[in-house]
């Protein structure tokens, strides 16, 4: 049985978006802020949270003791870690781009 993915509450999501918007407005002013910058900052923050979560899922999914016969191994395990690495690289790229 899989555990349902925990989502941010609507209030937490709204606060995250508002804080990202305030950061951009403080740096560039209301008229200098672009909507895509707000979206990019929220995506970076979400990615920063998602990468460690994905790594934790991979660690648990590979444990025979906790997953029993459903534990991942071989190619599936390698693909999971590759996905985690690619996601981390994307977050790093977005963070680098957001700073420009």
C-alpha atoms as a PDB file:
ATOM      1  CA  UNK A   1       0.000   0.000   0.000  1.00  0.00           C
ATOM      2  CA  UNK A   2       1.481   3.362  -0.962  1.00  0.00           C
ATOM      3  CA  UNK A   3       1.401   6.443   1.209  1.00  0.00           C
ATOM      4  CA  UNK A   4      -0.447   9.411  -0.300  1.00  0.00           C
ATOM      5  CA  UNK A   5       1.739  12.356  -1.241  1.00  0.00           C
ATOM      6  CA  UNK A   6       1.490  15.176   1.269  1.00  0.00           C
ATOM      7  CA  UNK A   7       0.626  18.472  -0.408  1.00  0.00           C
ATOM      8  CA  UNK A   8       1.126  21.937   0.915  1.00  0.00           C
ATOM      9  CA  UNK A   9      -2.049  23.370   2.331  1.00  0.00           C
ATOM     10  CA  UNK A  10      -3.708  26.136   0.339  1.00  0.00           C
ATOM     11  CA  UNK A  11      -2.619  28.616   2.996  1.00  0.00           C
ATOM     12  CA  UNK A  12       1.023  27.456   2.879  1.00  0.00           C
ATOM     13  CA  UNK A  13       1.039  27.573  -0.944  1.00  0.00           C
ATOM     14  CA  UNK A  14      -0.456  31.053  -0.920  1.00  0.00           C
ATOM     15  CA  UNK A  15       2.135  32.237   1.645  1.00  0.00           C
ATOM     16  CA  UNK A  16       4.952  30.797  -0.466  1.00  0.00           C
ATOM     17  CA  UNK A  17       3.702  32.592  -3.576  1.00  0.00           C
ATOM     18  CA  UNK A  18       3.135  35.839  -1.673  1.00  0.00           C
ATOM     19  CA  UNK A  19       6.652  35.750  -0.207  1.00  0.00           C
ATOM     20  CA  UNK A  20       8.174  35.120  -3.639  1.00  0.00           C
ATOM     21  CA  UNK A  21       6.200  38.050  -5.056  1.00  0.00           C
ATOM     22  CA  UNK A  22       7.260  40.320  -2.192  1.00  0.00           C
ATOM     23  CA  UNK A  23      10.909  39.386  -2.784  1.00  0.00           C
ATOM     24  CA  UNK A  24      10.671  40.319  -6.466  1.00  0.00           C
ATOM     25  CA  UNK A  25       8.723  43.529  -5.754  1.00  0.00           C
ATOM     26  CA  UNK A  26      11.265  44.563  -3.115  1.00  0.00           C
ATOM     27  CA  UNK A  27      14.129  44.060  -5.578  1.00  0.00           C
ATOM     28  CA  UNK A  28      12.573  45.533  -8.730  1.00  0.00           C
ATOM     29  CA  UNK A  29       9.494  47.463  -7.719  1.00  0.00           C
ATOM     30  CA  UNK A  30       5.962  46.670  -8.792  1.00  0.00           C
ATOM     31  CA  UNK A  31       6.387  47.755 -12.421  1.00  0.00           C
ATOM     32  CA  UNK A  32       9.803  46.095 -12.797  1.00  0.00           C
ATOM     33  CA  UNK A  33       8.599  42.671 -11.680  1.00  0.00           C
ATOM     34  CA  UNK A  34       7.706  40.086 -14.293  1.00  0.00           C
ATOM     35  CA  UNK A  35       5.219  37.290 -13.642  1.00  0.00           C
ATOM     36  CA  UNK A  36       7.647  34.652 -14.898  1.00  0.00           C
ATOM     37  CA  UNK A  37      10.161  35.678 -12.229  1.00  0.00           C
ATOM     38  CA  UNK A  38       7.574  35.038  -9.504  1.00  0.00           C
ATOM     39  CA  UNK A  39       6.763  31.646 -10.992  1.00  0.00           C
ATOM     40  CA  UNK A  40      10.448  30.775 -11.320  1.00  0.00           C
ATOM     41  CA  UNK A  41      11.186  31.579  -7.677  1.00  0.00           C
ATOM     42  CA  UNK A  42       8.255  29.480  -6.489  1.00  0.00           C
ATOM     43  CA  UNK A  43       9.431  26.605  -8.709  1.00  0.00           C
ATOM     44  CA  UNK A  44      12.951  26.846  -7.282  1.00  0.00           C
ATOM     45  CA  UNK A  45      11.629  26.770  -3.737  1.00  0.00           C
ATOM     46  CA  UNK A  46       9.355  23.829  -4.519  1.00  0.00           C
ATOM     47  CA  UNK A  47      12.263  22.000  -6.159  1.00  0.00           C
ATOM     48  CA  UNK A  48      14.490  22.640  -3.171  1.00  0.00           C
ATOM     49  CA  UNK A  49      11.885  20.900  -1.046  1.00  0.00           C
ATOM     50  CA  UNK A  50      11.173  18.116  -3.550  1.00  0.00           C
ATOM     51  CA  UNK A  51      14.756  16.916  -4.117  1.00  0.00           C
ATOM     52  CA  UNK A  52      15.434  15.836  -0.502  1.00  0.00           C
ATOM     53  CA  UNK A  53      11.957  14.306  -0.347  1.00  0.00           C
ATOM     54  CA  UNK A  54      12.649  12.279  -3.499  1.00  0.00           C
ATOM     55  CA  UNK A  55      15.997  11.159  -2.073  1.00  0.00           C
ATOM     56  CA  UNK A  56      14.262  10.043   1.135  1.00  0.00           C
ATOM     57  CA  UNK A  57      11.697   8.089  -0.884  1.00  0.00           C
ATOM     58  CA  UNK A  58      14.516   6.403  -2.812  1.00  0.00           C
ATOM     59  CA  UNK A  59      16.286   5.416   0.405  1.00  0.00           C
ATOM     60  CA  UNK A  60      13.117   3.887   1.848  1.00  0.00           C
ATOM     61  CA  UNK A  61      12.088   2.215  -1.419  1.00  0.00           C
ATOM     62  CA  UNK A  62      15.452   0.438  -1.642  1.00  0.00           C
ATOM     63  CA  UNK A  63      15.333  -0.937   1.916  1.00  0.00           C
ATOM     64  CA  UNK A  64      14.400  -4.594   1.945  1.00  0.00           C
ATOM     65  CA  UNK A  65      13.581  -4.370   5.656  1.00  0.00           C
ATOM     66  CA  UNK A  66      10.892  -1.707   5.196  1.00  0.00           C
ATOM     67  CA  UNK A  67       9.607  -2.583   1.712  1.00  0.00           C
ATOM     68  CA  UNK A  68       9.873  -6.369   1.760  1.00  0.00           C
ATOM     69  CA  UNK A  69       9.318  -7.896  -1.677  1.00  0.00           C
ATOM     70  CA  UNK A  70       8.420  -4.456  -3.077  1.00  0.00           C
ATOM     71  CA  UNK A  71      11.906  -3.037  -2.509  1.00  0.00           C
ATOM     72  CA  UNK A  72      13.417  -1.616  -5.678  1.00  0.00           C
ATOM     73  CA  UNK A  73      16.739  -2.790  -7.067  1.00  0.00           C
ATOM     74  CA  UNK A  74      18.793  -2.897 -10.243  1.00  0.00           C
ATOM     75  CA  UNK A  75      17.686  -0.738 -13.133  1.00  0.00           C
ATOM     76  CA  UNK A  76      14.681   0.712 -11.337  1.00  0.00           C
ATOM     77  CA  UNK A  77      16.869   1.843  -8.450  1.00  0.00           C
ATOM     78  CA  UNK A  78      19.402   3.365 -10.859  1.00  0.00           C
ATOM     79  CA  UNK A  79      16.617   5.144 -12.748  1.00  0.00           C
ATOM     80  CA  UNK A  80      15.233   6.556  -9.493  1.00  0.00           C
ATOM     81  CA  UNK A  81      18.601   7.963  -8.454  1.00  0.00           C
ATOM     82  CA  UNK A  82      19.180   9.321 -11.960  1.00  0.00           C
ATOM     83  CA  UNK A  83      15.808  11.078 -11.765  1.00  0.00           C
ATOM     84  CA  UNK A  84      16.771  12.539  -8.391  1.00  0.00           C
ATOM     85  CA  UNK A  85      20.081  13.805  -9.814  1.00  0.00           C
ATOM     86  CA  UNK A  86      18.402  15.332 -12.867  1.00  0.00           C
ATOM     87  CA  UNK A  87      15.835  17.053 -10.674  1.00  0.00           C
ATOM     88  CA  UNK A  88      18.615  18.447  -8.455  1.00  0.00           C
ATOM     89  CA  UNK A  89      20.431  19.744 -11.547  1.00  0.00           C
ATOM     90  CA  UNK A  90      17.224  21.406 -12.786  1.00  0.00           C
ATOM     91  CA  UNK A  91      16.697  23.113  -9.421  1.00  0.00           C
ATOM     92  CA  UNK A  92      20.311  24.308  -9.440  1.00  0.00           C
ATOM     93  CA  UNK A  93      19.850  25.638 -12.977  1.00  0.00           C
ATOM     94  CA  UNK A  94      16.632  27.427 -12.044  1.00  0.00           C
ATOM     95  CA  UNK A  95      18.271  28.923  -8.950  1.00  0.00           C
ATOM     96  CA  UNK A  96      21.192  30.151 -11.076  1.00  0.00           C
ATOM     97  CA  UNK A  97      18.820  31.624 -13.657  1.00  0.00           C
ATOM     98  CA  UNK A  98      16.610  33.260 -11.017  1.00  0.00           C
ATOM     99  CA  UNK A  99      19.612  35.203  -9.753  1.00  0.00           C
ATOM    100  CA  UNK A 100      20.075  36.937 -13.130  1.00  0.00           C
END
